[in-house]
Structures are given as C-alpha cells and as structure tokens.
C-alpha cells in the first residue's frame, strides 16, 4: 500500500466512526504502522494531535446538528460519545468559543473543520543527511515513565522525567555506566501495541545495576539522522523526517522504539542522532 493512501484510508475510517468509538490501534493497522507511530506521524503532518483533530471534527458536526434544531443537545452529546453534558459543553466551547445552547440562535458564528486529506508535495527543501544501519538487539538501563496511548496526554511526562533525572543525579550515574554502542545518553520511546508504553532515559550497557530498569531494544534496521542544536532543533528534525523523508524514502515504520541519541551533554548545543526503525515498503 502506498504510504499516503494508507493515511487517507485512516482518515476515512475516522469519518465513518465519528459517532462510534474510534480505535487508535485500527488506525495504525490501516496506515501500516503502530498506534504510537501513527499518532506521531499524524501530529507532525497535520499540525495538531490526533485527539484534537477528532474533537474538532466531532464538534464541527455537532454544531451542524444543533443548528438543525431536530435533536436535543443532550442527545447530540451522547451521539458523539459524551456521556456527560458537562464534558460535551467543555469540548464544544473549546472549539467554538460559545456554549452549545447559544448556537440555536440565528447569525451565531461557529467554526467548521473539514476532513483532512493527505498528499505528497515535493519541495526544494534543504538536504537531509542520514544512513541506514541494521543492528542486533541491545540492552539499555535507566529510568522510565509510563506513557498514555493518547500521546496528547504525554506532553509533560517526558520533560518532567528529564528534569527529575538531572536534579537527582541520575544522568551522571548513567553516563558512567554506558559501555556498549550507541555511546550516548538515550531517550527511548518504547511504544509497541502489545506492552505498556514507556519512555526511557537510559544508556546502552552490559552492567548489572539494581537501581535501574532494563529494556531490550529489539534487532532492527534504523534510519539514523544526525543533528545539532537545542531541544527545539531535534523536534524540527523529527518533523522533517516524517513529512519530507519518509513519504518518498521507500521505507515505512517498523515495530521498534524511536531513539534519540545525545552525543554530548550541552543542552544548548547538543550533538545528537534520531533513530527511526524502518523496513522496506512493500510494493503492490
């Protein structure tokens, strides 16, 4: 399946299930990737988290239903999956800026968010350096935090874990324990669909240390992109990988963690690599 075709089929699935429960894992299956990678990919390409896009679509249709005047607001709320009128009112006001009851009046402005359609646009962007490497499984040790399967809810989790690791000396301890490649401080998003999602701050090591958690990164093929700069720079690189490199690369996401490898400790002028697990895209 073509990469963009899979994304557009997943958008069709959303439209067909806006009054049902939308299965994030099914969206990933349709697009040919994990739930986590689908959400990451969607956010970078659409500019909004998946949950926010779904909320906008539901509230766009809810406004039309309210304007139609044939259904009670409480029934419309339940139609779009809100068992609590308070939760529906909150969601509606977050999108339209007014209460649902106010929409019944004539001349009241509301917002409309049409369904998304993806397509590839070739543009003359700056070059991207990368290499493809196949690596055996390797063990990491470190600290972790659980992640929600709705990645919109995780925005504060990762920064908080880094702040705590710096403050309590964890970073310094881990740095002294790395002894196998990749030689750097690792940020590992271990988010396959069969296990509890976790984010690790870790190093690759063979040492046995009771105070830290261990995780085995599976054997995989990696697309590795070097970069430098601040935390914002690494986010910009990850966005370019998804929106510029991946669609035309001949690769798609594989079922392995995303890894950020920090090669030096200076947060304002970091040298890093972004590791994306990939496999050759099957042609039809």
C-alpha atoms as a PDB file:
ATOM      1  CA  UNK A   1       0.000   0.000   0.000  1.00  0.00           C
ATOM      2  CA  UNK A   2       1.199   3.471  -0.823  1.00  0.00           C
ATOM      3  CA  UNK A   3       2.138   5.468   2.260  1.00  0.00           C
ATOM      4  CA  UNK A   4      -0.251   8.374   1.618  1.00  0.00           C
ATOM      5  CA  UNK A   5      -3.045   6.023   0.571  1.00  0.00           C
ATOM      6  CA  UNK A   6      -2.862   4.358   3.971  1.00  0.00           C
ATOM      7  CA  UNK A   7      -3.092   7.705   5.737  1.00  0.00           C
ATOM      8  CA  UNK A   8      -6.118   8.727   3.701  1.00  0.00           C
ATOM      9  CA  UNK A   9      -7.839   5.416   4.361  1.00  0.00           C
ATOM     10  CA  UNK A  10      -7.316   6.029   8.067  1.00  0.00           C
ATOM     11  CA  UNK A  11      -8.989   9.443   7.671  1.00  0.00           C
ATOM     12  CA  UNK A  12     -11.934   7.692   6.005  1.00  0.00           C
ATOM     13  CA  UNK A  13     -12.127   5.352   8.987  1.00  0.00           C
ATOM     14  CA  UNK A  14     -12.332   8.342  11.332  1.00  0.00           C
ATOM     15  CA  UNK A  15     -15.161   9.891   9.306  1.00  0.00           C
ATOM     16  CA  UNK A  16     -17.097   6.624   9.343  1.00  0.00           C
ATOM     17  CA  UNK A  17     -16.758   6.291  13.133  1.00  0.00           C
ATOM     18  CA  UNK A  18     -17.217   9.827  14.458  1.00  0.00           C
ATOM     19  CA  UNK A  19     -20.363   8.688  16.267  1.00  0.00           C
ATOM     20  CA  UNK A  20     -18.683   5.457  17.443  1.00  0.00           C
ATOM     21  CA  UNK A  21     -15.567   4.707  19.455  1.00  0.00           C
ATOM     22  CA  UNK A  22     -12.517   5.355  17.282  1.00  0.00           C
ATOM     23  CA  UNK A  23      -9.967   2.574  17.665  1.00  0.00           C
ATOM     24  CA  UNK A  24      -6.455   4.062  17.543  1.00  0.00           C
ATOM     25  CA  UNK A  25      -4.911   0.630  17.010  1.00  0.00           C
ATOM     26  CA  UNK A  26      -7.127   0.127  13.964  1.00  0.00           C
ATOM     27  CA  UNK A  27      -5.934   3.472  12.579  1.00  0.00           C
ATOM     28  CA  UNK A  28      -2.358   2.227  12.876  1.00  0.00           C
ATOM     29  CA  UNK A  29      -3.207  -1.053  11.169  1.00  0.00           C
ATOM     30  CA  UNK A  30      -4.875   0.778   8.286  1.00  0.00           C
ATOM     31  CA  UNK A  31      -1.819   3.016   7.840  1.00  0.00           C
ATOM     32  CA  UNK A  32       0.603   0.101   8.250  1.00  0.00           C
ATOM     33  CA  UNK A  33       2.336   1.174  11.474  1.00  0.00           C
ATOM     34  CA  UNK A  34       1.994   1.069  15.256  1.00  0.00           C
ATOM     35  CA  UNK A  35      -0.534   3.181  17.144  1.00  0.00           C
ATOM     36  CA  UNK A  36       2.306   5.286  18.524  1.00  0.00           C
ATOM     37  CA  UNK A  37       3.966   5.918  15.164  1.00  0.00           C
ATOM     38  CA  UNK A  38       0.616   6.739  13.591  1.00  0.00           C
ATOM     39  CA  UNK A  39      -0.083   9.426  16.186  1.00  0.00           C
ATOM     40  CA  UNK A  40       3.417  10.884  15.894  1.00  0.00           C
ATOM     41  CA  UNK A  41       3.201  10.896  12.115  1.00  0.00           C
ATOM     42  CA  UNK A  42      -0.260  12.478  12.169  1.00  0.00           C
ATOM     43  CA  UNK A  43       0.745  15.239  14.583  1.00  0.00           C
ATOM     44  CA  UNK A  44       3.778  16.242  12.518  1.00  0.00           C
ATOM     45  CA  UNK A  45       1.857  16.207   9.240  1.00  0.00           C
ATOM     46  CA  UNK A  46      -1.433  17.755  10.395  1.00  0.00           C
ATOM     47  CA  UNK A  47      -0.004  20.204  12.912  1.00  0.00           C
ATOM     48  CA  UNK A  48      -2.436  19.058  15.642  1.00  0.00           C
ATOM     49  CA  UNK A  49      -2.592  15.928  17.813  1.00  0.00           C
ATOM     50  CA  UNK A  50      -4.885  13.167  16.611  1.00  0.00           C
ATOM     51  CA  UNK A  51      -7.226  13.527  19.603  1.00  0.00           C
ATOM     52  CA  UNK A  52      -7.606  17.248  18.924  1.00  0.00           C
ATOM     53  CA  UNK A  53      -8.386  16.631  15.237  1.00  0.00           C
ATOM     54  CA  UNK A  54     -11.073  14.088  16.159  1.00  0.00           C
ATOM     55  CA  UNK A  55     -12.512  16.516  18.714  1.00  0.00           C
ATOM     56  CA  UNK A  56     -12.648  19.271  16.072  1.00  0.00           C
ATOM     57  CA  UNK A  57     -14.405  17.016  13.581  1.00  0.00           C
ATOM     58  CA  UNK A  58     -16.974  15.872  16.150  1.00  0.00           C
ATOM     59  CA  UNK A  59     -17.693  19.410  17.314  1.00  0.00           C
ATOM     60  CA  UNK A  60     -17.998  20.653  13.711  1.00  0.00           C
ATOM     61  CA  UNK A  61     -20.707  18.080  13.076  1.00  0.00           C
ATOM     62  CA  UNK A  62     -22.309  18.670  16.465  1.00  0.00           C
ATOM     63  CA  UNK A  63     -22.697  22.385  15.644  1.00  0.00           C
ATOM     64  CA  UNK A  64     -24.493  21.488  12.402  1.00  0.00           C
ATOM     65  CA  UNK A  65     -26.791  19.109  14.279  1.00  0.00           C
ATOM     66  CA  UNK A  66     -27.632  21.764  16.879  1.00  0.00           C
ATOM     67  CA  UNK A  67     -28.337  24.332  14.170  1.00  0.00           C
ATOM     68  CA  UNK A  68     -30.702  21.815  12.554  1.00  0.00           C
ATOM     69  CA  UNK A  69     -32.877  22.025  15.648  1.00  0.00           C
ATOM     70  CA  UNK A  70     -34.252  18.500  15.345  1.00  0.00           C
ATOM     71  CA  UNK A  71     -32.305  16.904  18.204  1.00  0.00           C
ATOM     72  CA  UNK A  72     -31.869  17.779  21.856  1.00  0.00           C
ATOM     73  CA  UNK A  73     -28.375  18.897  22.865  1.00  0.00           C
ATOM     74  CA  UNK A  74     -28.131  16.068  25.393  1.00  0.00           C
ATOM     75  CA  UNK A  75     -28.873  13.563  22.605  1.00  0.00           C
ATOM     76  CA  UNK A  76     -26.281  15.171  20.321  1.00  0.00           C
ATOM     77  CA  UNK A  77     -23.718  14.964  23.120  1.00  0.00           C
ATOM     78  CA  UNK A  78     -24.368  11.246  23.529  1.00  0.00           C
ATOM     79  CA  UNK A  79     -24.311  10.771  19.747  1.00  0.00           C
ATOM     80  CA  UNK A  80     -20.685  11.952  19.644  1.00  0.00           C
ATOM     81  CA  UNK A  81     -19.573   9.896  22.618  1.00  0.00           C
ATOM     82  CA  UNK A  82     -20.043  12.320  25.524  1.00  0.00           C
ATOM     83  CA  UNK A  83     -21.940  10.689  28.383  1.00  0.00           C
ATOM     84  CA  UNK A  84     -21.620  13.843  30.480  1.00  0.00           C
ATOM     85  CA  UNK A  85     -23.274  17.107  29.307  1.00  0.00           C
ATOM     86  CA  UNK A  86     -20.542  18.975  31.182  1.00  0.00           C
ATOM     87  CA  UNK A  87     -17.791  17.236  29.190  1.00  0.00           C
ATOM     88  CA  UNK A  88     -19.632  17.946  25.936  1.00  0.00           C
ATOM     89  CA  UNK A  89     -20.096  21.619  26.841  1.00  0.00           C
ATOM     90  CA  UNK A  90     -16.408  21.906  27.685  1.00  0.00           C
ATOM     91  CA  UNK A  91     -15.328  20.288  24.419  1.00  0.00           C
ATOM     92  CA  UNK A  92     -17.786  22.377  22.379  1.00  0.00           C
ATOM     93  CA  UNK A  93     -16.686  25.658  23.944  1.00  0.00           C
ATOM     94  CA  UNK A  94     -13.009  24.759  23.463  1.00  0.00           C
ATOM     95  CA  UNK A  95     -13.647  24.569  19.710  1.00  0.00           C
ATOM     96  CA  UNK A  96     -16.348  27.172  19.061  1.00  0.00           C
ATOM     97  CA  UNK A  97     -15.850  29.582  21.952  1.00  0.00           C
ATOM     98  CA  UNK A  98     -19.552  29.525  22.883  1.00  0.00           C
ATOM     99  CA  UNK A  99     -21.941  27.198  24.687  1.00  0.00           C
ATOM    100  CA  UNK A 100     -23.911  24.662  22.611  1.00  0.00           C
ATOM    101  CA  UNK A 101     -27.218  26.284  23.594  1.00  0.00           C
ATOM    102  CA  UNK A 102     -26.093  29.598  22.055  1.00  0.00           C
ATOM    103  CA  UNK A 103     -25.765  28.027  18.610  1.00  0.00           C
ATOM    104  CA  UNK A 104     -29.548  27.706  18.270  1.00  0.00           C
ATOM    105  CA  UNK A 105     -29.848  31.447  17.667  1.00  0.00           C
ATOM    106  CA  UNK A 106     -29.673  32.829  14.128  1.00  0.00           C
ATOM    107  CA  UNK A 107     -26.472  34.522  12.961  1.00  0.00           C
ATOM    108  CA  UNK A 108     -24.274  32.878  15.619  1.00  0.00           C
ATOM    109  CA  UNK A 109     -20.802  32.153  14.169  1.00  0.00           C
ATOM    110  CA  UNK A 110     -19.344  28.667  14.633  1.00  0.00           C
ATOM    111  CA  UNK A 111     -16.214  27.012  13.289  1.00  0.00           C
ATOM    112  CA  UNK A 112     -16.013  24.246  10.713  1.00  0.00           C
ATOM    113  CA  UNK A 113     -13.063  21.869  10.434  1.00  0.00           C
ATOM    114  CA  UNK A 114     -13.309  19.801   7.224  1.00  0.00           C
ATOM    115  CA  UNK A 115     -11.888  16.269   6.936  1.00  0.00           C
ATOM    116  CA  UNK A 116      -8.171  16.066   6.245  1.00  0.00           C
ATOM    117  CA  UNK A 117      -6.728  14.641   3.051  1.00  0.00           C
ATOM    118  CA  UNK A 118      -3.004  13.934   2.723  1.00  0.00           C
ATOM    119  CA  UNK A 119      -0.900  14.223  -0.404  1.00  0.00           C
ATOM    120  CA  UNK A 120       2.801  14.393  -1.172  1.00  0.00           C
ATOM    121  CA  UNK A 121       4.150  17.785  -2.167  1.00  0.00           C
ATOM    122  CA  UNK A 122       7.697  17.792  -3.476  1.00  0.00           C
ATOM    123  CA  UNK A 123       9.578  20.916  -2.499  1.00  0.00           C
ATOM    124  CA  UNK A 124      13.182  22.020  -2.686  1.00  0.00           C
ATOM    125  CA  UNK A 125      13.967  21.852   0.996  1.00  0.00           C
ATOM    126  CA  UNK A 126      17.457  21.716   2.409  1.00  0.00           C
ATOM    127  CA  UNK A 127      19.320  18.422   2.286  1.00  0.00           C
ATOM    128  CA  UNK A 128      18.905  15.733   4.921  1.00  0.00           C
ATOM    129  CA  UNK A 129      21.842  13.543   5.882  1.00  0.00           C
ATOM    130  CA  UNK A 130      21.106  10.002   7.032  1.00  0.00           C
ATOM    131  CA  UNK A 131      22.397   6.458   6.989  1.00  0.00           C
ATOM    132  CA  UNK A 132      20.685   3.067   7.135  1.00  0.00           C
ATOM    133  CA  UNK A 133      22.097   0.547   9.640  1.00  0.00           C
ATOM    134  CA  UNK A 134      20.919  -2.900  10.712  1.00  0.00           C
ATOM    135  CA  UNK A 135      21.767  -3.673  14.333  1.00  0.00           C
ATOM    136  CA  UNK A 136      21.393  -6.620  16.676  1.00  0.00           C
ATOM    137  CA  UNK A 137      19.310  -6.260  19.817  1.00  0.00           C
ATOM    138  CA  UNK A 138      20.970  -4.285  22.617  1.00  0.00           C
ATOM    139  CA  UNK A 139      20.253  -3.830  26.310  1.00  0.00           C
ATOM    140  CA  UNK A 140      19.659  -0.469  27.917  1.00  0.00           C
ATOM    141  CA  UNK A 141      19.451   0.501  31.602  1.00  0.00           C
ATOM    142  CA  UNK A 142      17.854   3.612  33.025  1.00  0.00           C
ATOM    143  CA  UNK A 143      14.677   5.149  34.402  1.00  0.00           C
ATOM    144  CA  UNK A 144      11.276   5.210  32.755  1.00  0.00           C
ATOM    145  CA  UNK A 145       7.851   6.800  32.918  1.00  0.00           C
ATOM    146  CA  UNK A 146       4.619   5.215  31.647  1.00  0.00           C
ATOM    147  CA  UNK A 147       3.002   6.832  28.620  1.00  0.00           C
ATOM    148  CA  UNK A 148      -0.683   7.116  27.788  1.00  0.00           C
ATOM    149  CA  UNK A 149      -1.830   5.628  24.478  1.00  0.00           C
ATOM    150  CA  UNK A 150      -3.276   9.029  23.633  1.00  0.00           C
ATOM    151  CA  UNK A 151       0.024  10.861  23.119  1.00  0.00           C
ATOM    152  CA  UNK A 152      -1.672  14.233  23.595  1.00  0.00           C
ATOM    153  CA  UNK A 153      -1.752  13.380  27.311  1.00  0.00           C
ATOM    154  CA  UNK A 154       2.032  12.851  27.484  1.00  0.00           C
ATOM    155  CA  UNK A 155       3.306  16.329  26.640  1.00  0.00           C
ATOM    156  CA  UNK A 156       4.516  16.995  30.194  1.00  0.00           C
ATOM    157  CA  UNK A 157       5.668  13.446  31.026  1.00  0.00           C
ATOM    158  CA  UNK A 158       8.957  13.382  29.116  1.00  0.00           C
ATOM    159  CA  UNK A 159      10.229  16.878  30.111  1.00  0.00           C
ATOM    160  CA  UNK A 160       9.370  16.140  33.756  1.00  0.00           C
ATOM    161  CA  UNK A 161      11.317  12.863  33.660  1.00  0.00           C
ATOM    162  CA  UNK A 162      14.391  14.633  32.234  1.00  0.00           C
ATOM    163  CA  UNK A 163      14.185  17.401  34.842  1.00  0.00           C
ATOM    164  CA  UNK A 164      13.975  14.869  37.652  1.00  0.00           C
ATOM    165  CA  UNK A 165      16.859  12.801  36.228  1.00  0.00           C
ATOM    166  CA  UNK A 166      19.087  15.875  36.065  1.00  0.00           C
ATOM    167  CA  UNK A 167      18.133  17.076  39.546  1.00  0.00           C
ATOM    168  CA  UNK A 168      18.629  13.756  41.378  1.00  0.00           C
ATOM    169  CA  UNK A 169      21.930  12.825  39.717  1.00  0.00           C
ATOM    170  CA  UNK A 170      20.542  10.000  37.570  1.00  0.00           C
ATOM    171  CA  UNK A 171      22.069  11.429  34.390  1.00  0.00           C
ATOM    172  CA  UNK A 172      25.556  11.462  35.890  1.00  0.00           C
ATOM    173  CA  UNK A 173      25.193   7.885  37.193  1.00  0.00           C
ATOM    174  CA  UNK A 174      24.001   6.594  33.851  1.00  0.00           C
ATOM    175  CA  UNK A 175      26.772   8.335  31.927  1.00  0.00           C
ATOM    176  CA  UNK A 176      29.341   6.371  33.939  1.00  0.00           C
ATOM    177  CA  UNK A 177      27.698   3.058  33.113  1.00  0.00           C
ATOM    178  CA  UNK A 178      27.477   3.146  29.325  1.00  0.00           C
ATOM    179  CA  UNK A 179      29.843   0.606  27.801  1.00  0.00           C
ATOM    180  CA  UNK A 180      28.256  -0.567  24.544  1.00  0.00           C
ATOM    181  CA  UNK A 181      27.044   1.257  21.400  1.00  0.00           C
ATOM    182  CA  UNK A 182      25.265   3.512  20.862  1.00  0.00           C
ATOM    183  CA  UNK A 183      27.588   5.597  23.029  1.00  0.00           C
ATOM    184  CA  UNK A 184      25.406   8.416  24.230  1.00  0.00           C
ATOM    185  CA  UNK A 185      22.552   9.267  26.568  1.00  0.00           C
ATOM    186  CA  UNK A 186      19.383   7.753  25.129  1.00  0.00           C
ATOM    187  CA  UNK A 187      15.780   8.888  25.037  1.00  0.00           C
ATOM    188  CA  UNK A 188      13.814   5.765  24.074  1.00  0.00           C
ATOM    189  CA  UNK A 189      10.095   5.702  23.251  1.00  0.00           C
ATOM    190  CA  UNK A 190       9.188   2.029  23.704  1.00  0.00           C
ATOM    191  CA  UNK A 191       5.618   2.011  22.437  1.00  0.00           C
ATOM    192  CA  UNK A 192       4.614  -1.199  20.711  1.00  0.00           C
ATOM    193  CA  UNK A 193       0.967  -2.236  20.737  1.00  0.00           C
ATOM    194  CA  UNK A 194       1.497  -5.339  22.897  1.00  0.00           C
ATOM    195  CA  UNK A 195       3.022  -3.724  26.011  1.00  0.00           C
ATOM    196  CA  UNK A 196       2.618  -0.793  28.373  1.00  0.00           C
ATOM    197  CA  UNK A 197       4.083   2.261  26.627  1.00  0.00           C
ATOM    198  CA  UNK A 198       7.147   3.709  28.335  1.00  0.00           C
ATOM    199  CA  UNK A 199       9.701   6.443  27.803  1.00  0.00           C
ATOM    200  CA  UNK A 200      13.232   5.644  28.998  1.00  0.00           C
ATOM    201  CA  UNK A 201      16.180   7.857  29.823  1.00  0.00           C
ATOM    202  CA  UNK A 202      18.942   5.288  29.556  1.00  0.00           C
ATOM    203  CA  UNK A 203      22.321   4.170  28.279  1.00  0.00           C
ATOM    204  CA  UNK A 204      23.390   1.039  26.439  1.00  0.00           C
ATOM    205  CA  UNK A 205      25.190  -1.154  28.960  1.00  0.00           C
ATOM    206  CA  UNK A 206      26.011  -4.717  29.977  1.00  0.00           C
ATOM    207  CA  UNK A 207      26.384  -3.785  33.645  1.00  0.00           C
ATOM    208  CA  UNK A 208      24.013  -5.165  36.265  1.00  0.00           C
ATOM    209  CA  UNK A 209      22.583  -2.342  38.359  1.00  0.00           C
ATOM    210  CA  UNK A 210      19.650  -2.995  40.679  1.00  0.00           C
ATOM    211  CA  UNK A 211      18.605   0.627  40.995  1.00  0.00           C
ATOM    212  CA  UNK A 212      17.831   0.963  37.271  1.00  0.00           C
ATOM    213  CA  UNK A 213      15.301  -0.663  34.986  1.00  0.00           C
ATOM    214  CA  UNK A 214      16.460  -2.631  31.969  1.00  0.00           C
ATOM    215  CA  UNK A 215      14.930  -2.964  28.499  1.00  0.00           C
ATOM    216  CA  UNK A 216      15.996  -4.904  25.424  1.00  0.00           C
ATOM    217  CA  UNK A 217      15.848  -2.856  22.236  1.00  0.00           C
ATOM    218  CA  UNK A 218      14.981  -5.390  19.526  1.00  0.00           C
ATOM    219  CA  UNK A 219      17.129  -6.057  16.480  1.00  0.00           C
ATOM    220  CA  UNK A 220      16.058  -3.668  13.761  1.00  0.00           C
ATOM    221  CA  UNK A 221      17.025  -1.628  10.751  1.00  0.00           C
ATOM    222  CA  UNK A 222      17.403   2.040  11.591  1.00  0.00           C
ATOM    223  CA  UNK A 223      17.347   5.235   9.569  1.00  0.00           C
ATOM    224  CA  UNK A 224      19.776   7.436  11.521  1.00  0.00           C
ATOM    225  CA  UNK A 225      19.735  11.213  11.156  1.00  0.00           C
ATOM    226  CA  UNK A 226      22.475  13.399  12.734  1.00  0.00           C
ATOM    227  CA  UNK A 227      21.679  16.846  14.085  1.00  0.00           C
ATOM    228  CA  UNK A 228      22.770  19.595  16.427  1.00  0.00           C
ATOM    229  CA  UNK A 229      21.253  22.444  18.397  1.00  0.00           C
ATOM    230  CA  UNK A 230      18.623  22.742  21.124  1.00  0.00           C
ATOM    231  CA  UNK A 231      15.651  20.589  22.096  1.00  0.00           C
ATOM    232  CA  UNK A 232      13.579  22.555  19.593  1.00  0.00           C
ATOM    233  CA  UNK A 233      16.042  21.598  16.863  1.00  0.00           C
ATOM    234  CA  UNK A 234      15.550  17.879  17.467  1.00  0.00           C
ATOM    235  CA  UNK A 235      11.770  18.296  17.238  1.00  0.00           C
ATOM    236  CA  UNK A 236      12.194  20.133  13.942  1.00  0.00           C
ATOM    237  CA  UNK A 237      14.423  17.331  12.624  1.00  0.00           C
ATOM    238  CA  UNK A 238      11.872  14.692  13.639  1.00  0.00           C
ATOM    239  CA  UNK A 239       9.153  16.644  11.859  1.00  0.00           C
ATOM    240  CA  UNK A 240      11.246  16.847   8.678  1.00  0.00           C
ATOM    241  CA  UNK A 241      11.922  13.108   8.815  1.00  0.00           C
ATOM    242  CA  UNK A 242       8.191  12.357   8.877  1.00  0.00           C
ATOM    243  CA  UNK A 243       6.975  14.999   6.443  1.00  0.00           C
ATOM    244  CA  UNK A 244       9.875  15.156   3.949  1.00  0.00           C
ATOM    245  CA  UNK A 245      11.969  11.985   4.100  1.00  0.00           C
ATOM    246  CA  UNK A 246       9.590   9.160   4.993  1.00  0.00           C
ATOM    247  CA  UNK A 247       6.915   9.670   2.289  1.00  0.00           C
ATOM    248  CA  UNK A 248       9.380   9.268  -0.607  1.00  0.00           C
ATOM    249  CA  UNK A 249      12.078   7.110   1.025  1.00  0.00           C
ATOM    250  CA  UNK A 250      10.787   3.664   0.073  1.00  0.00           C
ATOM    251  CA  UNK A 251      10.682   2.829   3.803  1.00  0.00           C
ATOM    252  CA  UNK A 252       7.932   2.677   6.400  1.00  0.00           C
ATOM    253  CA  UNK A 253       7.905   2.442  10.179  1.00  0.00           C
ATOM    254  CA  UNK A 254       8.926  -0.874  11.725  1.00  0.00           C
ATOM    255  CA  UNK A 255       7.755  -2.155  15.114  1.00  0.00           C
ATOM    256  CA  UNK A 256      10.622  -0.951  17.305  1.00  0.00           C
ATOM    257  CA  UNK A 257      11.256   2.075  19.542  1.00  0.00           C
ATOM    258  CA  UNK A 258      12.127   5.576  18.397  1.00  0.00           C
ATOM    259  CA  UNK A 259      15.504   6.576  19.864  1.00  0.00           C
ATOM    260  CA  UNK A 260      17.204   9.904  20.428  1.00  0.00           C
ATOM    261  CA  UNK A 261      20.962   9.548  20.999  1.00  0.00           C
ATOM    262  CA  UNK A 262      22.546  12.535  22.763  1.00  0.00           C
ATOM    263  CA  UNK A 263      26.248  12.506  21.946  1.00  0.00           C
ATOM    264  CA  UNK A 264      27.305  15.399  24.184  1.00  0.00           C
ATOM    265  CA  UNK A 265      25.866  16.903  27.388  1.00  0.00           C
ATOM    266  CA  UNK A 266      25.491  20.568  26.349  1.00  0.00           C
ATOM    267  CA  UNK A 267      21.706  21.195  26.137  1.00  0.00           C
ATOM    268  CA  UNK A 268      22.150  24.449  24.212  1.00  0.00           C
ATOM    269  CA  UNK A 269      24.471  22.994  21.569  1.00  0.00           C
ATOM    270  CA  UNK A 270      23.665  19.307  21.643  1.00  0.00           C
ATOM    271  CA  UNK A 271      25.060  16.837  19.138  1.00  0.00           C
ATOM    272  CA  UNK A 272      22.512  14.092  18.619  1.00  0.00           C
ATOM    273  CA  UNK A 273      21.106  11.417  16.348  1.00  0.00           C
ATOM    274  CA  UNK A 274      17.493  10.473  15.723  1.00  0.00           C
ATOM    275  CA  UNK A 275      16.995   6.739  15.129  1.00  0.00           C
ATOM    276  CA  UNK A 276      13.817   5.713  13.317  1.00  0.00           C
ATOM    277  CA  UNK A 277      13.037   1.966  12.991  1.00  0.00           C
ATOM    278  CA  UNK A 278      12.244   1.201   9.354  1.00  0.00           C
ATOM    279  CA  UNK A 279      11.574  -1.590   6.902  1.00  0.00           C
ATOM    280  CA  UNK A 280      11.358  -1.595   3.133  1.00  0.00           C
ATOM    281  CA  UNK A 281       7.896  -0.630   1.943  1.00  0.00           C
ATOM    282  CA  UNK A 282       6.133  -3.458   0.167  1.00  0.00           C
ATOM    283  CA  UNK A 283       5.044  -2.653  -3.364  1.00  0.00           C
ATOM    284  CA  UNK A 284       1.660  -3.846  -4.576  1.00  0.00           C
END
